[in-house]
PDB file of N, CA and C in Angstrom:
ATOM      1  N   MET A   1     -68.830  73.225  32.745  1.00  0.00           N
ATOM      2  CA  MET A   1     -69.443  74.217  31.915  1.00  0.00           C
ATOM      3  C   MET A   1     -69.102  75.560  32.533  1.00  0.00           C
ATOM      4  N   CYS A   2     -68.555  76.465  31.772  1.00  0.00           N
ATOM      5  CA  CYS A   2     -68.186  77.778  32.278  1.00  0.00           C
ATOM      6  C   CYS A   2     -68.942  78.858  31.529  1.00  0.00           C
ATOM      7  N   PHE A   3     -69.213  79.937  32.215  1.00  0.00           N
ATOM      8  CA  PHE A   3     -69.932  81.056  31.632  1.00  0.00           C
ATOM      9  C   PHE A   3     -69.699  82.257  32.504  1.00  0.00           C
ATOM     10  N   SER A   4     -70.188  83.381  32.079  1.00  0.00           N
ATOM     11  CA  SER A   4     -69.996  84.591  32.861  1.00  0.00           C
ATOM     12  C   SER A   4     -71.334  85.284  33.071  1.00  0.00           C
ATOM     13  N   LEU A   5     -71.555  85.746  34.275  1.00  0.00           N
ATOM     14  CA  LEU A   5     -72.749  86.514  34.609  1.00  0.00           C
ATOM     15  C   LEU A   5     -72.306  87.787  35.303  1.00  0.00           C
ATOM     16  N   SER A   6     -73.163  88.774  35.308  1.00  0.00           N
ATOM     17  CA  SER A   6     -72.780  90.079  35.834  1.00  0.00           C
ATOM     18  C   SER A   6     -72.524  90.089  37.338  1.00  0.00           C
ATOM     19  N   PHE A   7     -72.900  89.052  38.072  1.00  0.00           N
ATOM     20  CA  PHE A   7     -72.703  89.074  39.516  1.00  0.00           C
ATOM     21  C   PHE A   7     -71.454  88.316  39.958  1.00  0.00           C
ATOM     22  N   SER A   8     -70.476  88.177  39.076  1.00  0.00           N
ATOM     23  CA  SER A   8     -69.152  87.629  39.378  1.00  0.00           C
ATOM     24  C   SER A   8     -69.085  86.113  39.495  1.00  0.00           C
ATOM     25  N   LEU A   9     -70.115  85.415  39.106  1.00  0.00           N
ATOM     26  CA  LEU A   9     -70.035  83.961  39.062  1.00  0.00           C
ATOM     27  C   LEU A   9     -69.311  83.605  37.782  1.00  0.00           C
ATOM     28  N   SER A  10     -68.240  82.855  37.878  1.00  0.00           N
ATOM     29  CA  SER A  10     -67.390  82.618  36.722  1.00  0.00           C
ATOM     30  C   SER A  10     -67.469  81.206  36.177  1.00  0.00           C
ATOM     31  N   CYS A  11     -67.655  80.229  37.035  1.00  0.00           N
ATOM     32  CA  CYS A  11     -67.505  78.869  36.546  1.00  0.00           C
ATOM     33  C   CYS A  11     -68.344  77.897  37.354  1.00  0.00           C
ATOM     34  N   VAL A  12     -68.924  76.956  36.670  1.00  0.00           N
ATOM     35  CA  VAL A  12     -69.582  75.825  37.305  1.00  0.00           C
ATOM     36  C   VAL A  12     -68.838  74.603  36.829  1.00  0.00           C
ATOM     37  N   SER A  13     -68.417  73.768  37.721  1.00  0.00           N
ATOM     38  CA  SER A  13     -67.648  72.586  37.356  1.00  0.00           C
ATOM     39  C   SER A  13     -68.516  71.349  37.487  1.00  0.00           C
ATOM     40  N   LEU A  14     -68.338  70.404  36.600  1.00  0.00           N
ATOM     41  CA  LEU A  14     -69.099  69.167  36.658  1.00  0.00           C
ATOM     42  C   LEU A  14     -68.447  68.190  37.616  1.00  0.00           C
ATOM     43  N   PHE A  15     -69.215  67.677  38.540  1.00  0.00           N
ATOM     44  CA  PHE A  15     -68.750  66.625  39.445  1.00  0.00           C
ATOM     45  C   PHE A  15     -69.565  65.382  39.137  1.00  0.00           C
ATOM     46  N   MET A  16     -68.989  64.449  38.458  1.00  0.00           N
ATOM     47  CA  MET A  16     -69.622  63.153  38.167  1.00  0.00           C
ATOM     48  C   MET A  16     -70.999  63.295  37.531  1.00  0.00           C
ATOM     49  N   GLY A  17     -71.131  64.104  36.538  1.00  0.00           N
ATOM     50  CA  GLY A  17     -72.398  64.235  35.852  1.00  0.00           C
ATOM     51  C   GLY A  17     -73.363  65.191  36.530  1.00  0.00           C
ATOM     52  N   MET A  18     -73.056  65.664  37.719  1.00  0.00           N
ATOM     53  CA  MET A  18     -73.881  66.690  38.334  1.00  0.00           C
ATOM     54  C   MET A  18     -73.030  67.947  38.406  1.00  0.00           C
ATOM     55  N   SER A  19     -73.650  69.066  38.510  1.00  0.00           N
ATOM     56  CA  SER A  19     -72.899  70.316  38.575  1.00  0.00           C
ATOM     57  C   SER A  19     -72.743  70.739  40.018  1.00  0.00           C
ATOM     58  N   MET A  20     -71.711  71.504  40.254  1.00  0.00           N
ATOM     59  CA  MET A  20     -71.470  71.995  41.610  1.00  0.00           C
ATOM     60  C   MET A  20     -70.812  73.350  41.522  1.00  0.00           C
ATOM     61  N   PHE A  21     -71.265  74.272  42.320  1.00  0.00           N
ATOM     62  CA  PHE A  21     -70.615  75.576  42.351  1.00  0.00           C
ATOM     63  C   PHE A  21     -69.191  75.400  42.826  1.00  0.00           C
ATOM     64  N   ALA A  22     -68.285  75.859  42.027  1.00  0.00           N
ATOM     65  CA  ALA A  22     -66.879  75.711  42.399  1.00  0.00           C
ATOM     66  C   ALA A  22     -66.085  76.909  41.909  1.00  0.00           C
ATOM     67  N   THR A  23     -66.680  78.015  41.920  1.00  0.00           N
ATOM     68  CA  THR A  23     -65.969  79.180  41.419  1.00  0.00           C
ATOM     69  C   THR A  23     -64.866  79.552  42.382  1.00  0.00           C
ATOM     70  N   PHE A  24     -63.783  80.017  41.834  1.00  0.00           N
ATOM     71  CA  PHE A  24     -62.631  80.293  42.673  1.00  0.00           C
ATOM     72  C   PHE A  24     -62.550  81.736  43.106  1.00  0.00           C
ATOM     73  N   ARG A  25     -63.368  82.619  42.584  1.00  0.00           N
ATOM     74  CA  ARG A  25     -63.332  84.023  42.976  1.00  0.00           C
ATOM     75  C   ARG A  25     -64.687  84.504  43.497  1.00  0.00           C
ATOM     76  N   LEU A  26     -65.555  83.587  43.799  1.00  0.00           N
ATOM     77  CA  LEU A  26     -66.901  83.907  44.242  1.00  0.00           C
ATOM     78  C   LEU A  26     -66.942  84.039  45.757  1.00  0.00           C
ATOM     79  N   PHE A  27     -67.479  85.147  46.233  1.00  0.00           N
ATOM     80  CA  PHE A  27     -67.703  85.327  47.662  1.00  0.00           C
ATOM     81  C   PHE A  27     -69.165  85.019  47.949  1.00  0.00           C
ATOM     82  N   LEU A  28     -69.450  84.537  49.134  1.00  0.00           N
ATOM     83  CA  LEU A  28     -70.836  84.220  49.484  1.00  0.00           C
ATOM     84  C   LEU A  28     -71.749  85.427  49.287  1.00  0.00           C
ATOM     85  N   SER A  29     -71.230  86.603  49.569  1.00  0.00           N
ATOM     86  CA  SER A  29     -72.050  87.813  49.411  1.00  0.00           C
ATOM     87  C   SER A  29     -72.357  88.113  47.946  1.00  0.00           C
ATOM     88  N   ASP A  30     -71.631  87.492  47.004  1.00  0.00           N
ATOM     89  CA  ASP A  30     -71.868  87.698  45.580  1.00  0.00           C
ATOM     90  C   ASP A  30     -72.990  86.825  45.033  1.00  0.00           C
ATOM     91  N   ILE A  31     -73.402  85.824  45.780  1.00  0.00           N
ATOM     92  CA  ILE A  31     -74.444  84.917  45.297  1.00  0.00           C
ATOM     93  C   ILE A  31     -75.779  85.647  45.329  1.00  0.00           C
ATOM     94  N   PRO A  32     -76.464  85.719  44.194  1.00  0.00           N
ATOM     95  CA  PRO A  32     -77.737  86.442  44.150  1.00  0.00           C
ATOM     96  C   PRO A  32     -78.819  85.760  44.988  1.00  0.00           C
ATOM     97  N   GLU A  33     -79.799  86.528  45.352  1.00  0.00           N
ATOM     98  CA  GLU A  33     -80.886  86.039  46.199  1.00  0.00           C
ATOM     99  C   GLU A  33     -81.562  84.802  45.611  1.00  0.00           C
ATOM    100  N   ALA A  34     -81.690  84.752  44.293  1.00  0.00           N
ATOM    101  CA  ALA A  34     -82.342  83.616  43.643  1.00  0.00           C
ATOM    102  C   ALA A  34     -81.576  82.305  43.855  1.00  0.00           C
ATOM    103  N   LEU A  35     -80.314  82.395  44.236  1.00  0.00           N
ATOM    104  CA  LEU A  35     -79.490  81.208  44.473  1.00  0.00           C
ATOM    105  C   LEU A  35     -79.073  81.077  45.936  1.00  0.00           C
ATOM    106  N   GLU A  36     -79.874  81.600  46.807  1.00  0.00           N
ATOM    107  CA  GLU A  36     -79.580  81.579  48.244  1.00  0.00           C
ATOM    108  C   GLU A  36     -79.263  80.170  48.736  1.00  0.00           C
ATOM    109  N   LYS A  37     -79.956  79.162  48.209  1.00  0.00           N
ATOM    110  CA  LYS A  37     -79.739  77.779  48.646  1.00  0.00           C
ATOM    111  C   LYS A  37     -78.331  77.287  48.306  1.00  0.00           C
ATOM    112  N   ALA A  38     -77.677  77.912  47.356  1.00  0.00           N
ATOM    113  CA  ALA A  38     -76.335  77.491  46.949  1.00  0.00           C
ATOM    114  C   ALA A  38     -75.282  77.824  48.005  1.00  0.00           C
ATOM    115  N   LYS A  39     -75.564  78.794  48.853  1.00  0.00           N
ATOM    116  CA  LYS A  39     -74.562  79.224  49.834  1.00  0.00           C
ATOM    117  C   LYS A  39     -74.082  78.083  50.725  1.00  0.00           C
ATOM    118  N   GLY A  40     -74.975  77.230  51.136  1.00  0.00           N
ATOM    119  CA  GLY A  40     -74.589  76.093  51.976  1.00  0.00           C
ATOM    120  C   GLY A  40     -73.614  75.172  51.278  1.00  0.00           C
ATOM    121  N   TYR A  41     -73.836  74.947  49.990  1.00  0.00           N
ATOM    122  CA  TYR A  41     -72.926  74.098  49.223  1.00  0.00           C
ATOM    123  C   TYR A  41     -71.553  74.755  49.056  1.00  0.00           C
ATOM    124  N   VAL A  42     -71.553  76.055  48.823  1.00  0.00           N
ATOM    125  CA  VAL A  42     -70.293  76.775  48.672  1.00  0.00           C
ATOM    126  C   VAL A  42     -69.523  76.741  49.995  1.00  0.00           C
ATOM    127  N   GLU A  43     -70.225  76.941  51.104  1.00  0.00           N
ATOM    128  CA  GLU A  43     -69.571  76.878  52.414  1.00  0.00           C
ATOM    129  C   GLU A  43     -68.994  75.487  52.667  1.00  0.00           C
ATOM    130  N   GLU A  44     -69.759  74.463  52.290  1.00  0.00           N
ATOM    131  CA  GLU A  44     -69.291  73.092  52.482  1.00  0.00           C
ATOM    132  C   GLU A  44     -68.061  72.809  51.607  1.00  0.00           C
ATOM    133  N   LEU A  45     -68.080  73.296  50.377  1.00  0.00           N
ATOM    134  CA  LEU A  45     -66.926  73.132  49.501  1.00  0.00           C
ATOM    135  C   LEU A  45     -65.715  73.867  50.068  1.00  0.00           C
ATOM    136  N   ASP A  46     -65.934  75.087  50.566  1.00  0.00           N
ATOM    137  CA  ASP A  46     -64.828  75.847  51.166  1.00  0.00           C
ATOM    138  C   ASP A  46     -64.209  75.087  52.342  1.00  0.00           C
ATOM    139  N   ALA A  47     -65.046  74.473  53.171  1.00  0.00           N
ATOM    140  CA  ALA A  47     -64.539  73.712  54.316  1.00  0.00           C
ATOM    141  C   ALA A  47     -63.712  72.514  53.853  1.00  0.00           C
ATOM    142  N   LEU A  48     -64.184  71.842  52.818  1.00  0.00           N
ATOM    143  CA  LEU A  48     -63.436  70.712  52.269  1.00  0.00           C
ATOM    144  C   LEU A  48     -62.104  71.163  51.680  1.00  0.00           C
ATOM    145  N   CYS A  49     -62.122  72.283  50.988  1.00  0.00           N
ATOM    146  CA  CYS A  49     -60.891  72.824  50.404  1.00  0.00           C
ATOM    147  C   CYS A  49     -59.889  73.175  51.495  1.00  0.00           C
ATOM    148  N   LYS A  50     -60.375  73.838  52.531  1.00  0.00           N
ATOM    149  CA  LYS A  50     -59.489  74.236  53.632  1.00  0.00           C
ATOM    150  C   LYS A  50     -58.880  73.001  54.302  1.00  0.00           C
ATOM    151  N   LYS A  51     -59.720  72.007  54.550  1.00  0.00           N
ATOM    152  CA  LYS A  51     -59.263  70.776  55.198  1.00  0.00           C
ATOM    153  C   LYS A  51     -58.220  70.047  54.348  1.00  0.00           C
ATOM    154  N   SER A  52     -58.394  70.079  53.030  1.00  0.00           N
ATOM    155  CA  SER A  52     -57.506  69.328  52.149  1.00  0.00           C
ATOM    156  C   SER A  52     -56.303  70.140  51.657  1.00  0.00           C
ATOM    157  N   GLY A  53     -56.334  71.461  51.859  1.00  0.00           N
ATOM    158  CA  GLY A  53     -55.216  72.295  51.431  1.00  0.00           C
ATOM    159  C   GLY A  53     -55.240  72.671  49.961  1.00  0.00           C
ATOM    160  N   PHE A  54     -56.389  72.535  49.309  1.00  0.00           N
ATOM    161  CA  PHE A  54     -56.542  72.902  47.907  1.00  0.00           C
ATOM    162  C   PHE A  54     -57.481  74.098  47.794  1.00  0.00           C
ATOM    163  N   SER A  55     -57.316  74.887  46.738  1.00  0.00           N
ATOM    164  CA  SER A  55     -58.238  75.996  46.471  1.00  0.00           C
ATOM    165  C   SER A  55     -59.475  75.457  45.744  1.00  0.00           C
ATOM    166  N   ARG A  56     -60.523  76.274  45.686  1.00  0.00           N
ATOM    167  CA  ARG A  56     -61.703  75.891  44.917  1.00  0.00           C
ATOM    168  C   ARG A  56     -61.344  75.621  43.463  1.00  0.00           C
ATOM    169  N   LEU A  57     -60.505  76.471  42.899  1.00  0.00           N
ATOM    170  CA  LEU A  57     -60.106  76.295  41.504  1.00  0.00           C
ATOM    171  C   LEU A  57     -59.373  74.970  41.318  1.00  0.00           C
ATOM    172  N   GLU A  58     -58.438  74.664  42.199  1.00  0.00           N
ATOM    173  CA  GLU A  58     -57.703  73.402  42.088  1.00  0.00           C
ATOM    174  C   GLU A  58     -58.644  72.206  42.185  1.00  0.00           C
ATOM    175  N   VAL A  59     -59.543  72.238  43.155  1.00  0.00           N
ATOM    176  CA  VAL A  59     -60.474  71.126  43.345  1.00  0.00           C
ATOM    177  C   VAL A  59     -61.370  70.957  42.122  1.00  0.00           C
ATOM    178  N   SER A  60     -61.985  72.032  41.664  1.00  0.00           N
ATOM    179  CA  SER A  60     -62.916  71.904  40.541  1.00  0.00           C
ATOM    180  C   SER A  60     -62.208  71.511  39.253  1.00  0.00           C
ATOM    181  N   GLU A  61     -61.068  72.126  39.001  1.00  0.00           N
ATOM    182  CA  GLU A  61     -60.356  71.838  37.755  1.00  0.00           C
ATOM    183  C   GLU A  61     -59.770  70.430  37.752  1.00  0.00           C
ATOM    184  N   LEU A  62     -59.044  70.065  38.799  1.00  0.00           N
ATOM    185  CA  LEU A  62     -58.406  68.746  38.822  1.00  0.00           C
ATOM    186  C   LEU A  62     -59.430  67.623  38.880  1.00  0.00           C
ATOM    187  N   PHE A  63     -60.521  67.828  39.596  1.00  0.00           N
ATOM    188  CA  PHE A  63     -61.571  66.821  39.633  1.00  0.00           C
ATOM    189  C   PHE A  63     -62.116  66.596  38.229  1.00  0.00           C
ATOM    190  N   SER A  64     -62.420  67.675  37.540  1.00  0.00           N
ATOM    191  CA  SER A  64     -63.007  67.581  36.205  1.00  0.00           C
ATOM    192  C   SER A  64     -62.032  67.017  35.176  1.00  0.00           C
ATOM    193  N   LEU A  65     -60.801  67.489  35.199  1.00  0.00           N
ATOM    194  CA  LEU A  65     -59.815  67.045  34.209  1.00  0.00           C
ATOM    195  C   LEU A  65     -59.462  65.570  34.333  1.00  0.00           C
ATOM    196  N   ASN A  66     -59.553  65.028  35.525  1.00  0.00           N
ATOM    197  CA  ASN A  66     -59.110  63.660  35.756  1.00  0.00           C
ATOM    198  C   ASN A  66     -60.240  62.654  35.903  1.00  0.00           C
ATOM    199  N   ASP A  67     -61.443  63.045  35.578  1.00  0.00           N
ATOM    200  CA  ASP A  67     -62.576  62.119  35.624  1.00  0.00           C
ATOM    201  C   ASP A  67     -62.870  61.666  34.201  1.00  0.00           C
ATOM    202  N   GLU A  68     -62.699  60.374  33.947  1.00  0.00           N
ATOM    203  CA  GLU A  68     -62.865  59.854  32.589  1.00  0.00           C
ATOM    204  C   GLU A  68     -64.284  60.005  32.048  1.00  0.00           C
ATOM    205  N   ARG A  69     -65.248  60.269  32.909  1.00  0.00           N
ATOM    206  CA  ARG A  69     -66.633  60.463  32.447  1.00  0.00           C
ATOM    207  C   ARG A  69     -66.869  61.868  31.922  1.00  0.00           C
ATOM    208  N   ILE A  70     -65.935  62.765  32.153  1.00  0.00           N
ATOM    209  CA  ILE A  70     -66.073  64.144  31.685  1.00  0.00           C
ATOM    210  C   ILE A  70     -65.242  64.296  30.419  1.00  0.00           C
ATOM    211  N   ASP A  71     -65.927  64.602  29.329  1.00  0.00           N
ATOM    212  CA  ASP A  71     -65.266  64.664  28.030  1.00  0.00           C
ATOM    213  C   ASP A  71     -64.597  66.002  27.743  1.00  0.00           C
ATOM    214  N   PHE A  72     -65.140  67.084  28.288  1.00  0.00           N
ATOM    215  CA  PHE A  72     -64.620  68.405  27.972  1.00  0.00           C
ATOM    216  C   PHE A  72     -64.502  69.247  29.236  1.00  0.00           C
ATOM    217  N   PHE A  73     -63.476  70.052  29.281  1.00  0.00           N
ATOM    218  CA  PHE A  73     -63.301  71.032  30.352  1.00  0.00           C
ATOM    219  C   PHE A  73     -63.142  72.379  29.670  1.00  0.00           C
ATOM    220  N   VAL A  74     -64.129  73.216  29.801  1.00  0.00           N
ATOM    221  CA  VAL A  74     -64.119  74.536  29.166  1.00  0.00           C
ATOM    222  C   VAL A  74     -63.809  75.559  30.245  1.00  0.00           C
ATOM    223  N   PHE A  75     -62.853  76.428  29.987  1.00  0.00           N
ATOM    224  CA  PHE A  75     -62.487  77.419  30.986  1.00  0.00           C
ATOM    225  C   PHE A  75     -62.332  78.776  30.342  1.00  0.00           C
ATOM    226  N   GLY A  76     -62.305  79.767  31.173  1.00  0.00           N
ATOM    227  CA  GLY A  76     -62.103  81.130  30.713  1.00  0.00           C
ATOM    228  C   GLY A  76     -61.577  81.959  31.869  1.00  0.00           C
ATOM    229  N   GLY A  77     -61.375  83.202  31.609  1.00  0.00           N
ATOM    230  CA  GLY A  77     -60.887  84.082  32.658  1.00  0.00           C
ATOM    231  C   GLY A  77     -61.073  85.527  32.266  1.00  0.00           C
ATOM    232  N   ASP A  78     -60.911  86.381  33.237  1.00  0.00           N
ATOM    233  CA  ASP A  78     -61.038  87.818  33.008  1.00  0.00           C
ATOM    234  C   ASP A  78     -59.696  88.466  32.711  1.00  0.00           C
ATOM    235  N   SER A  79     -58.611  87.697  32.819  1.00  0.00           N
ATOM    236  CA  SER A  79     -57.286  88.262  32.575  1.00  0.00           C
ATOM    237  C   SER A  79     -56.348  87.157  32.107  1.00  0.00           C
ATOM    238  N   VAL A  80     -55.236  87.552  31.546  1.00  0.00           N
ATOM    239  CA  VAL A  80     -54.211  86.600  31.136  1.00  0.00           C
ATOM    240  C   VAL A  80     -53.702  85.840  32.354  1.00  0.00           C
ATOM    241  N   GLN A  81     -53.572  86.511  33.487  1.00  0.00           N
ATOM    242  CA  GLN A  81     -53.101  85.865  34.718  1.00  0.00           C
ATOM    243  C   GLN A  81     -54.035  84.727  35.139  1.00  0.00           C
ATOM    244  N   GLN A  82     -55.344  84.955  35.052  1.00  0.00           N
ATOM    245  CA  GLN A  82     -56.292  83.894  35.399  1.00  0.00           C
ATOM    246  C   GLN A  82     -56.151  82.710  34.457  1.00  0.00           C
ATOM    247  N   LEU A  83     -55.985  82.963  33.175  1.00  0.00           N
ATOM    248  CA  LEU A  83     -55.808  81.874  32.215  1.00  0.00           C
ATOM    249  C   LEU A  83     -54.521  81.105  32.488  1.00  0.00           C
ATOM    250  N   LYS A  84     -53.446  81.803  32.827  1.00  0.00           N
ATOM    251  CA  LYS A  84     -52.189  81.151  33.162  1.00  0.00           C
ATOM    252  C   LYS A  84     -52.354  80.253  34.382  1.00  0.00           C
ATOM    253  N   GLU A  85     -53.117  80.737  35.363  1.00  0.00           N
ATOM    254  CA  GLU A  85     -53.357  79.956  36.578  1.00  0.00           C
ATOM    255  C   GLU A  85     -54.090  78.655  36.251  1.00  0.00           C
ATOM    256  N   VAL A  86     -55.093  78.727  35.390  1.00  0.00           N
ATOM    257  CA  VAL A  86     -55.846  77.536  35.000  1.00  0.00           C
ATOM    258  C   VAL A  86     -54.932  76.547  34.278  1.00  0.00           C
ATOM    259  N   VAL A  87     -54.114  77.037  33.366  1.00  0.00           N
ATOM    260  CA  VAL A  87     -53.200  76.164  32.628  1.00  0.00           C
ATOM    261  C   VAL A  87     -52.182  75.537  33.571  1.00  0.00           C
ATOM    262  N   GLU A  88     -51.641  76.314  34.494  1.00  0.00           N
ATOM    263  CA  GLU A  88     -50.655  75.805  35.443  1.00  0.00           C
ATOM    264  C   GLU A  88     -51.255  74.689  36.311  1.00  0.00           C
ATOM    265  N   ILE A  89     -52.464  74.873  36.764  1.00  0.00           N
ATOM    266  CA  ILE A  89     -53.113  73.848  37.591  1.00  0.00           C
ATOM    267  C   ILE A  89     -53.360  72.584  36.779  1.00  0.00           C
ATOM    268  N   SER A  90     -53.677  72.735  35.508  1.00  0.00           N
ATOM    269  CA  SER A  90     -53.952  71.564  34.666  1.00  0.00           C
ATOM    270  C   SER A  90     -52.743  70.643  34.535  1.00  0.00           C
ATOM    271  N   GLU A  91     -51.556  71.149  34.806  1.00  0.00           N
ATOM    272  CA  GLU A  91     -50.332  70.368  34.689  1.00  0.00           C
ATOM    273  C   GLU A  91     -49.954  69.659  35.990  1.00  0.00           C
ATOM    274  N   ARG A  92     -50.735  69.856  37.053  1.00  0.00           N
ATOM    275  CA  ARG A  92     -50.443  69.228  38.345  1.00  0.00           C
ATOM    276  C   ARG A  92     -50.979  67.802  38.402  1.00  0.00           C
ATOM    277  N   GLU A  93     -50.561  67.104  39.449  1.00  0.00           N
ATOM    278  CA  GLU A  93     -51.066  65.755  39.686  1.00  0.00           C
ATOM    279  C   GLU A  93     -52.522  65.808  40.124  1.00  0.00           C
ATOM    280  N   ASP A  94     -53.202  64.686  39.976  1.00  0.00           N
ATOM    281  CA  ASP A  94     -54.609  64.565  40.336  1.00  0.00           C
ATOM    282  C   ASP A  94     -54.809  64.750  41.844  1.00  0.00           C
ATOM    283  N   LEU A  95     -56.049  65.008  42.229  1.00  0.00           N
ATOM    284  CA  LEU A  95     -56.423  65.095  43.646  1.00  0.00           C
ATOM    285  C   LEU A  95     -56.321  63.719  44.294  1.00  0.00           C
ATOM    286  N   PRO A  96     -56.127  63.675  45.598  1.00  0.00           N
ATOM    287  CA  PRO A  96     -56.137  62.379  46.293  1.00  0.00           C
ATOM    288  C   PRO A  96     -57.497  61.688  46.106  1.00  0.00           C
ATOM    289  N   GLU A  97     -57.469  60.389  45.965  1.00  0.00           N
ATOM    290  CA  GLU A  97     -58.699  59.615  45.751  1.00  0.00           C
ATOM    291  C   GLU A  97     -59.693  59.826  46.896  1.00  0.00           C
ATOM    292  N   SER A  98     -59.189  59.955  48.122  1.00  0.00           N
ATOM    293  CA  SER A  98     -60.079  60.158  49.268  1.00  0.00           C
ATOM    294  C   SER A  98     -60.859  61.471  49.143  1.00  0.00           C
ATOM    295  N   LEU A  99     -60.221  62.518  48.643  1.00  0.00           N
ATOM    296  CA  LEU A  99     -60.907  63.795  48.450  1.00  0.00           C
ATOM    297  C   LEU A  99     -61.940  63.678  47.339  1.00  0.00           C
ATOM    298  N   LYS A 100     -61.599  63.019  46.249  1.00  0.00           N
ATOM    299  CA  LYS A 100     -62.561  62.853  45.152  1.00  0.00           C
ATOM    300  C   LYS A 100     -63.788  62.066  45.617  1.00  0.00           C
ATOM    301  N   ASN A 101     -63.562  61.039  46.426  1.00  0.00           N
ATOM    302  CA  ASN A 101     -64.689  60.264  46.954  1.00  0.00           C
ATOM    303  C   ASN A 101     -65.574  61.121  47.849  1.00  0.00           C
ATOM    304  N   GLU A 102     -64.942  61.946  48.682  1.00  0.00           N
ATOM    305  CA  GLU A 102     -65.712  62.823  49.570  1.00  0.00           C
ATOM    306  C   GLU A 102     -66.526  63.837  48.760  1.00  0.00           C
ATOM    307  N   LEU A 103     -65.951  64.375  47.708  1.00  0.00           N
ATOM    308  CA  LEU A 103     -66.683  65.305  46.845  1.00  0.00           C
ATOM    309  C   LEU A 103     -67.895  64.618  46.213  1.00  0.00           C
ATOM    310  N   ARG A 104     -67.692  63.418  45.712  1.00  0.00           N
ATOM    311  CA  ARG A 104     -68.802  62.669  45.100  1.00  0.00           C
ATOM    312  C   ARG A 104     -69.931  62.425  46.105  1.00  0.00           C
ATOM    313  N   GLU A 105     -69.557  62.055  47.307  1.00  0.00           N
ATOM    314  CA  GLU A 105     -70.563  61.767  48.341  1.00  0.00           C
ATOM    315  C   GLU A 105     -71.315  63.022  48.768  1.00  0.00           C
ATOM    316  N   ARG A 106     -70.592  64.092  49.043  1.00  0.00           N
ATOM    317  CA  ARG A 106     -71.208  65.302  49.587  1.00  0.00           C
ATOM    318  C   ARG A 106     -72.055  66.077  48.591  1.00  0.00           C
ATOM    319  N   PHE A 107     -71.705  65.993  47.307  1.00  0.00           N
ATOM    320  CA  PHE A 107     -72.390  66.825  46.317  1.00  0.00           C
ATOM    321  C   PHE A 107     -73.169  66.017  45.289  1.00  0.00           C
ATOM    322  N   ALA A 108     -73.603  64.841  45.658  1.00  0.00           N
ATOM    323  CA  ALA A 108     -74.318  63.967  44.728  1.00  0.00           C
ATOM    324  C   ALA A 108     -75.774  64.372  44.511  1.00  0.00           C
ATOM    325  N   ASP A 109     -76.381  65.057  45.441  1.00  0.00           N
ATOM    326  CA  ASP A 109     -77.822  65.328  45.363  1.00  0.00           C
ATOM    327  C   ASP A 109     -78.160  66.811  45.423  1.00  0.00           C
ATOM    328  N   ILE A 110     -77.494  67.612  44.629  1.00  0.00           N
ATOM    329  CA  ILE A 110     -77.761  69.046  44.616  1.00  0.00           C
ATOM    330  C   ILE A 110     -79.025  69.305  43.802  1.00  0.00           C
ATOM    331  N   GLU A 111     -79.868  70.164  44.316  1.00  0.00           N
ATOM    332  CA  GLU A 111     -81.136  70.472  43.646  1.00  0.00           C
ATOM    333  C   GLU A 111     -80.906  71.005  42.239  1.00  0.00           C
ATOM    334  N   ARG A 112     -81.777  70.588  41.322  1.00  0.00           N
ATOM    335  CA  ARG A 112     -81.698  71.053  39.931  1.00  0.00           C
ATOM    336  C   ARG A 112     -81.788  72.567  39.838  1.00  0.00           C
ATOM    337  N   SER A 113     -82.560  73.191  40.726  1.00  0.00           N
ATOM    338  CA  SER A 113     -82.727  74.646  40.667  1.00  0.00           C
ATOM    339  C   SER A 113     -81.426  75.384  40.978  1.00  0.00           C
ATOM    340  N   ILE A 114     -80.444  74.678  41.509  1.00  0.00           N
ATOM    341  CA  ILE A 114     -79.147  75.277  41.799  1.00  0.00           C
ATOM    342  C   ILE A 114     -78.160  75.002  40.668  1.00  0.00           C
ATOM    343  N   ILE A 115     -78.190  73.813  40.108  1.00  0.00           N
ATOM    344  CA  ILE A 115     -77.173  73.428  39.128  1.00  0.00           C
ATOM    345  C   ILE A 115     -77.548  73.717  37.675  1.00  0.00           C
ATOM    346  N   MET A 116     -78.787  74.061  37.419  1.00  0.00           N
ATOM    347  CA  MET A 116     -79.229  74.318  36.052  1.00  0.00           C
ATOM    348  C   MET A 116     -79.407  75.821  35.834  1.00  0.00           C
ATOM    349  N   PRO A 117     -78.486  76.469  35.129  1.00  0.00           N
ATOM    350  CA  PRO A 117     -78.586  77.920  34.924  1.00  0.00           C
ATOM    351  C   PRO A 117     -79.921  78.367  34.325  1.00  0.00           C
ATOM    352  N   SER A 118     -80.536  77.531  33.520  1.00  0.00           N
ATOM    353  CA  SER A 118     -81.821  77.907  32.917  1.00  0.00           C
ATOM    354  C   SER A 118     -82.937  78.025  33.958  1.00  0.00           C
ATOM    355  N   LEU A 119     -82.736  77.515  35.154  1.00  0.00           N
ATOM    356  CA  LEU A 119     -83.745  77.564  36.215  1.00  0.00           C
ATOM    357  C   LEU A 119     -83.454  78.641  37.260  1.00  0.00           C
ATOM    358  N   TRP A 120     -82.425  79.454  37.063  1.00  0.00           N
ATOM    359  CA  TRP A 120     -81.987  80.388  38.083  1.00  0.00           C
ATOM    360  C   TRP A 120     -82.902  81.579  38.294  1.00  0.00           C
ATOM    361  N   ASN A 121     -83.618  82.026  37.313  1.00  0.00           N
ATOM    362  CA  ASN A 121     -84.536  83.157  37.476  1.00  0.00           C
ATOM    363  C   ASN A 121     -83.843  84.395  38.047  1.00  0.00           C
ATOM    364  N   ILE A 122     -82.729  84.739  37.428  1.00  0.00           N
ATOM    365  CA  ILE A 122     -81.950  85.911  37.861  1.00  0.00           C
ATOM    366  C   ILE A 122     -82.273  87.074  36.947  1.00  0.00           C
ATOM    367  N   ARG A 123     -82.590  88.196  37.553  1.00  0.00           N
ATOM    368  CA  ARG A 123     -82.878  89.406  36.783  1.00  0.00           C
ATOM    369  C   ARG A 123     -81.617  90.229  36.644  1.00  0.00           C
ATOM    370  N   LYS A 124     -81.337  90.644  35.428  1.00  0.00           N
ATOM    371  CA  LYS A 124     -80.173  91.510  35.206  1.00  0.00           C
ATOM    372  C   LYS A 124     -80.524  92.930  35.601  1.00  0.00           C
ATOM    373  N   SER A 125     -79.580  93.584  36.270  1.00  0.00           N
ATOM    374  CA  SER A 125     -79.837  94.961  36.695  1.00  0.00           C
ATOM    375  C   SER A 125     -79.191  95.956  35.758  1.00  0.00           C
TER     376      SER A 125
END
């Protein structure tokens, strides 16, 4: 599920029926105070990406596109270049099975208050 908010959060990707922050242009300092608990998950995802040699965008997109339980992958971007990048990644081979298993294990129990945008309680400035 993708959407846009004023604090630069661009995309939430579905991991096996649960959501996980996987934005590719999000800095930890951009996460609003109401989502402070999400920072640990983003840091953990960044560490996994670094270890595996994939970007956040590659991990979130390829995981979602190649999981038969996910029916739709909705994406967007702020520029034509971002859209081209998403399309280019969609044409790559799937992630290694070991990485997908690690993602499923590490992000299986994320709190609803983090993965459900309706529970975020973010005030627009």
